[in-house]
Protein backbone atom coordinates (compact mmCIF):
# COMPACT_ATOMS: atom_id res chain seq x y z
CA MET A 1 2.07 6.27 -12.27
CA PRO A 2 1.23 3.74 -9.53
CA THR A 3 -1.01 4.68 -6.63
CA PRO A 4 0.53 5.06 -3.15
CA GLU A 5 -1.11 1.76 -2.13
CA GLN A 6 0.41 -0.01 -5.16
CA MET A 7 3.87 1.41 -4.39
CA ARG A 8 3.67 0.25 -0.78
CA THR A 9 2.42 -3.18 -1.83
CA CYS A 10 5.14 -3.57 -4.48
CA PHE A 11 7.79 -2.64 -1.94
CA VAL A 12 6.53 -5.15 0.64
CA LEU A 13 6.04 -7.98 -1.88
CA GLY A 14 9.37 -7.24 -3.57
CA TYR A 15 11.05 -7.41 -0.17
CA TRP A 16 9.49 -10.80 0.58
CA ALA A 17 10.35 -12.14 -2.88
CA THR A 18 14.02 -11.22 -2.50
CA LYS A 19 14.05 -12.51 1.07
CA MET A 20 13.06 -15.90 -0.42
CA TYR A 21 15.98 -15.51 -2.89
CA LEU A 22 13.68 -14.97 -5.88
CA PRO A 23 15.26 -12.67 -8.45
CA ILE A 24 12.96 -9.91 -9.69
CA TYR A 25 13.12 -9.83 -13.49
CA LEU A 26 10.47 -7.28 -14.38
CA ILE A 27 8.25 -4.64 -12.80
CA ARG A 28 5.75 -3.14 -15.25
CA ILE A 29 2.53 -1.12 -15.19
CA ASP A 30 -0.15 -2.56 -17.47
CA GLU A 31 -1.16 0.37 -19.69
CA ARG A 32 -4.76 -0.84 -20.09
CA THR A 33 -5.68 -1.75 -16.51
CA LYS A 34 -3.09 0.31 -14.57
CA ASP A 35 -2.17 -2.83 -12.60
CA VAL A 36 1.45 -3.34 -11.50
CA VAL A 37 2.92 -6.70 -12.55
CA ILE A 38 6.09 -8.16 -11.01
CA LEU A 39 7.79 -11.21 -12.54
CA ALA A 40 10.02 -12.91 -9.99
CA GLY A 41 11.91 -16.20 -10.09
CA GLU A 42 11.04 -18.74 -12.73
CA GLU A 43 7.34 -19.22 -11.96
CA THR A 44 6.07 -16.32 -9.84
CA GLU A 45 3.90 -13.45 -11.05
CA ILE A 46 2.68 -10.82 -8.58
CA LEU A 47 -0.19 -8.53 -9.58
CA THR A 48 -1.15 -5.39 -7.66
CA GLU A 49 -4.46 -4.02 -8.88
CA TYR A 50 -4.97 -0.32 -9.59
CA GLY A 51 -8.05 0.00 -7.39
CA GLY A 52 -6.02 -0.69 -4.26
CA PHE A 53 -6.62 -4.42 -3.88
CA LYS A 54 -7.43 -5.22 -0.27
CA SER A 55 -6.95 -8.73 1.03
CA PRO A 56 -8.06 -10.10 4.40
CA GLY A 57 -4.41 -10.89 5.24
CA SER A 58 -1.62 -8.55 6.23
CA ILE A 59 -0.05 -8.43 2.73
CA THR A 60 -1.98 -7.19 -0.27
CA GLY A 61 -1.54 -8.45 -3.82
CA LYS A 62 -2.31 -11.51 -5.88
CA PHE A 63 0.08 -14.32 -6.62
CA TRP A 64 0.16 -16.72 -9.56
CA VAL A 65 2.59 -19.60 -9.67
CA GLY A 66 3.10 -20.89 -13.18
CA VAL A 67 3.48 -18.71 -16.20
């Protein structure tokens, strides 16, 4: 089960991904690390860490472009 911070972050990042017309193909919780992984578009992976990743910006999460 994701943490409240992960759920909020996934909602915000999912909103922004779809606002940029990126289809969301997969949302999955990594069983080992408890991180939430979102695969969107052809080359975008969004990772929300279990520990409540905090970034200096207004949106939390990590982005990787390129699979």
